[in-house]
N, C-alpha and C. Protein backbone atom coordinates (compact mmCIF):
# COMPACT_ATOMS: atom_id res chain seq x y z
N MET A 1 0.90 -6.29 -16.44
CA MET A 1 1.46 -6.14 -15.09
C MET A 1 2.18 -4.79 -15.00
N MET A 2 2.21 -4.29 -13.79
CA MET A 2 2.95 -3.06 -13.52
C MET A 2 3.81 -3.28 -12.29
N GLN A 3 4.87 -2.51 -12.18
CA GLN A 3 5.74 -2.64 -11.01
C GLN A 3 5.56 -1.43 -10.11
N ILE A 4 5.35 -1.70 -8.82
CA ILE A 4 5.28 -0.66 -7.81
C ILE A 4 6.27 -1.02 -6.71
N LEU A 5 6.53 -0.07 -5.83
CA LEU A 5 7.38 -0.34 -4.67
C LEU A 5 6.48 -0.49 -3.45
N ILE A 6 6.60 -1.59 -2.75
CA ILE A 6 5.88 -1.78 -1.50
C ILE A 6 6.93 -1.88 -0.41
N ASN A 7 6.94 -0.88 0.48
CA ASN A 7 7.96 -0.81 1.53
C ASN A 7 9.35 -0.99 0.93
N ASN A 8 9.60 -0.28 -0.17
CA ASN A 8 10.88 -0.26 -0.89
C ASN A 8 11.24 -1.56 -1.59
N GLN A 9 10.28 -2.48 -1.73
CA GLN A 9 10.51 -3.74 -2.44
C GLN A 9 9.77 -3.69 -3.78
N PRO A 10 10.49 -3.82 -4.90
CA PRO A 10 9.78 -3.87 -6.19
C PRO A 10 8.82 -5.05 -6.23
N THR A 11 7.59 -4.78 -6.62
CA THR A 11 6.54 -5.80 -6.62
C THR A 11 5.70 -5.66 -7.88
N ASP A 12 5.41 -6.78 -8.54
CA ASP A 12 4.54 -6.77 -9.70
C ASP A 12 3.10 -6.92 -9.25
N MET A 13 2.25 -6.06 -9.77
CA MET A 13 0.81 -6.10 -9.49
C MET A 13 0.06 -5.97 -10.80
N PRO A 14 -1.18 -6.45 -10.87
CA PRO A 14 -1.97 -6.27 -12.09
C PRO A 14 -2.20 -4.78 -12.37
N GLU A 15 -2.33 -4.42 -13.64
CA GLU A 15 -2.65 -3.03 -14.00
C GLU A 15 -3.92 -2.61 -13.27
N GLY A 16 -3.91 -1.40 -12.72
CA GLY A 16 -5.09 -0.87 -12.05
C GLY A 16 -5.38 -1.50 -10.70
N ALA A 17 -4.39 -2.13 -10.09
CA ALA A 17 -4.60 -2.73 -8.76
C ALA A 17 -4.92 -1.63 -7.74
N SER A 18 -5.72 -2.00 -6.75
CA SER A 18 -6.08 -1.06 -5.69
C SER A 18 -5.21 -1.33 -4.46
N ILE A 19 -5.26 -0.40 -3.53
CA ILE A 19 -4.56 -0.60 -2.26
C ILE A 19 -5.11 -1.85 -1.57
N ALA A 20 -6.41 -2.07 -1.67
CA ALA A 20 -7.02 -3.25 -1.05
C ALA A 20 -6.38 -4.53 -1.60
N GLN A 21 -6.09 -4.57 -2.90
CA GLN A 21 -5.45 -5.75 -3.48
C GLN A 21 -4.02 -5.93 -2.96
N VAL A 22 -3.31 -4.84 -2.80
CA VAL A 22 -1.96 -4.90 -2.25
C VAL A 22 -2.01 -5.45 -0.81
N LEU A 23 -2.96 -4.94 -0.03
CA LEU A 23 -3.08 -5.38 1.36
C LEU A 23 -3.49 -6.85 1.44
N ALA A 24 -4.33 -7.31 0.51
CA ALA A 24 -4.73 -8.72 0.49
C ALA A 24 -3.50 -9.60 0.25
N GLN A 25 -2.58 -9.11 -0.56
CA GLN A 25 -1.36 -9.87 -0.84
C GLN A 25 -0.40 -9.83 0.35
N LEU A 26 -0.26 -8.66 0.95
CA LEU A 26 0.69 -8.49 2.07
C LEU A 26 0.18 -9.10 3.37
N GLN A 27 -1.10 -8.97 3.61
CA GLN A 27 -1.74 -9.38 4.86
C GLN A 27 -1.02 -8.83 6.10
N PRO A 28 -0.92 -7.49 6.18
CA PRO A 28 -0.29 -6.90 7.36
C PRO A 28 -1.17 -7.06 8.60
N ARG A 29 -0.53 -7.07 9.74
CA ARG A 29 -1.26 -7.19 11.00
C ARG A 29 -1.74 -5.82 11.45
N PRO A 30 -3.04 -5.65 11.72
CA PRO A 30 -3.50 -4.35 12.23
C PRO A 30 -2.89 -4.07 13.60
N PRO A 31 -2.75 -2.86 14.02
CA PRO A 31 -3.09 -1.66 13.27
C PRO A 31 -1.96 -1.28 12.30
N PHE A 32 -2.34 -0.62 11.21
CA PHE A 32 -1.36 -0.12 10.26
C PHE A 32 -1.96 1.06 9.51
N ALA A 33 -1.11 1.83 8.88
CA ALA A 33 -1.53 2.94 8.03
C ALA A 33 -0.90 2.73 6.66
N VAL A 34 -1.51 3.34 5.65
CA VAL A 34 -1.00 3.19 4.29
C VAL A 34 -0.75 4.58 3.71
N ALA A 35 0.39 4.72 3.05
CA ALA A 35 0.69 5.95 2.32
C ALA A 35 1.08 5.57 0.89
N VAL A 36 0.64 6.38 -0.06
CA VAL A 36 1.03 6.20 -1.46
C VAL A 36 1.75 7.47 -1.87
N ASN A 37 3.00 7.32 -2.29
CA ASN A 37 3.82 8.47 -2.68
C ASN A 37 3.82 9.53 -1.58
N THR A 38 3.99 9.07 -0.35
CA THR A 38 4.09 9.85 0.89
C THR A 38 2.77 10.51 1.31
N GLN A 39 1.65 10.19 0.66
CA GLN A 39 0.35 10.74 1.04
C GLN A 39 -0.46 9.68 1.78
N PHE A 40 -0.87 9.99 3.00
CA PHE A 40 -1.69 9.07 3.79
C PHE A 40 -2.99 8.79 3.04
N VAL A 41 -3.42 7.52 3.05
CA VAL A 41 -4.68 7.13 2.42
C VAL A 41 -5.61 6.62 3.51
N PRO A 42 -6.78 7.25 3.68
CA PRO A 42 -7.73 6.78 4.70
C PRO A 42 -8.24 5.38 4.37
N LYS A 43 -8.52 4.61 5.41
CA LYS A 43 -8.96 3.22 5.25
C LYS A 43 -10.16 3.11 4.32
N GLY A 44 -11.06 4.05 4.35
CA GLY A 44 -12.25 4.01 3.52
C GLY A 44 -11.97 4.14 2.03
N ARG A 45 -10.75 4.49 1.65
CA ARG A 45 -10.40 4.66 0.24
C ARG A 45 -9.56 3.51 -0.32
N TYR A 46 -9.30 2.48 0.46
CA TYR A 46 -8.43 1.39 0.00
C TYR A 46 -8.96 0.71 -1.27
N GLU A 47 -10.29 0.56 -1.38
CA GLU A 47 -10.87 -0.09 -2.56
C GLU A 47 -10.81 0.82 -3.78
N GLN A 48 -11.05 2.12 -3.59
CA GLN A 48 -11.13 3.06 -4.71
C GLN A 48 -9.77 3.54 -5.19
N GLN A 49 -8.78 3.57 -4.30
CA GLN A 49 -7.47 4.14 -4.65
C GLN A 49 -6.72 3.17 -5.55
N LEU A 50 -6.67 3.50 -6.85
CA LEU A 50 -5.97 2.66 -7.81
C LEU A 50 -4.52 3.10 -7.93
N LEU A 51 -3.67 2.14 -8.14
CA LEU A 51 -2.24 2.41 -8.21
C LEU A 51 -1.78 2.47 -9.66
N GLN A 52 -0.67 3.16 -9.86
CA GLN A 52 -0.07 3.27 -11.18
C GLN A 52 1.36 2.76 -11.10
N ALA A 53 1.89 2.35 -12.24
CA ALA A 53 3.27 1.87 -12.29
C ALA A 53 4.19 2.92 -11.67
N GLY A 54 5.11 2.45 -10.84
CA GLY A 54 6.08 3.34 -10.21
C GLY A 54 5.62 3.93 -8.89
N ASP A 55 4.36 3.71 -8.50
CA ASP A 55 3.89 4.24 -7.22
C ASP A 55 4.68 3.60 -6.08
N LYS A 56 4.85 4.38 -5.03
CA LYS A 56 5.56 3.90 -3.84
C LYS A 56 4.53 3.77 -2.71
N VAL A 57 4.28 2.51 -2.32
CA VAL A 57 3.29 2.22 -1.28
C VAL A 57 4.05 1.88 0.00
N GLU A 58 3.63 2.50 1.09
CA GLU A 58 4.24 2.19 2.38
C GLU A 58 3.14 1.74 3.33
N VAL A 59 3.34 0.58 3.93
CA VAL A 59 2.42 0.06 4.94
C VAL A 59 3.18 0.18 6.26
N ILE A 60 2.65 1.03 7.13
CA ILE A 60 3.39 1.43 8.32
C ILE A 60 2.64 1.00 9.58
N ALA A 61 3.34 0.29 10.46
CA ALA A 61 2.77 -0.08 11.75
C ALA A 61 3.19 0.97 12.77
N PRO A 62 2.28 1.35 13.66
CA PRO A 62 2.65 2.34 14.67
C PRO A 62 3.71 1.78 15.61
N VAL A 63 4.56 2.66 16.07
CA VAL A 63 5.60 2.26 17.03
C VAL A 63 5.14 2.70 18.40
N THR A 64 5.16 1.75 19.34
CA THR A 64 4.74 2.10 20.70
C THR A 64 5.93 1.97 21.64
N GLY A 65 5.75 2.50 22.80
CA GLY A 65 6.83 2.42 23.78
C GLY A 65 7.46 3.78 23.98
N GLY A 66 8.48 3.81 24.78
CA GLY A 66 9.07 5.11 25.03
C GLY A 66 10.36 4.95 25.61
């Protein structure tokens, strides 16, 4: 197991977990964007982007209104 931060919450994930696995656990409501260590990750890379211990994952929902 490795520990990563998801939206500033320490979370244990299996070694080599992908963003897709994190999202399967979180089940965020679309629309949302994902950043790893402050770098935006395109949706098409969620399966390939593997995480490492200590990575900071942010799942961000757009803010609407004015």
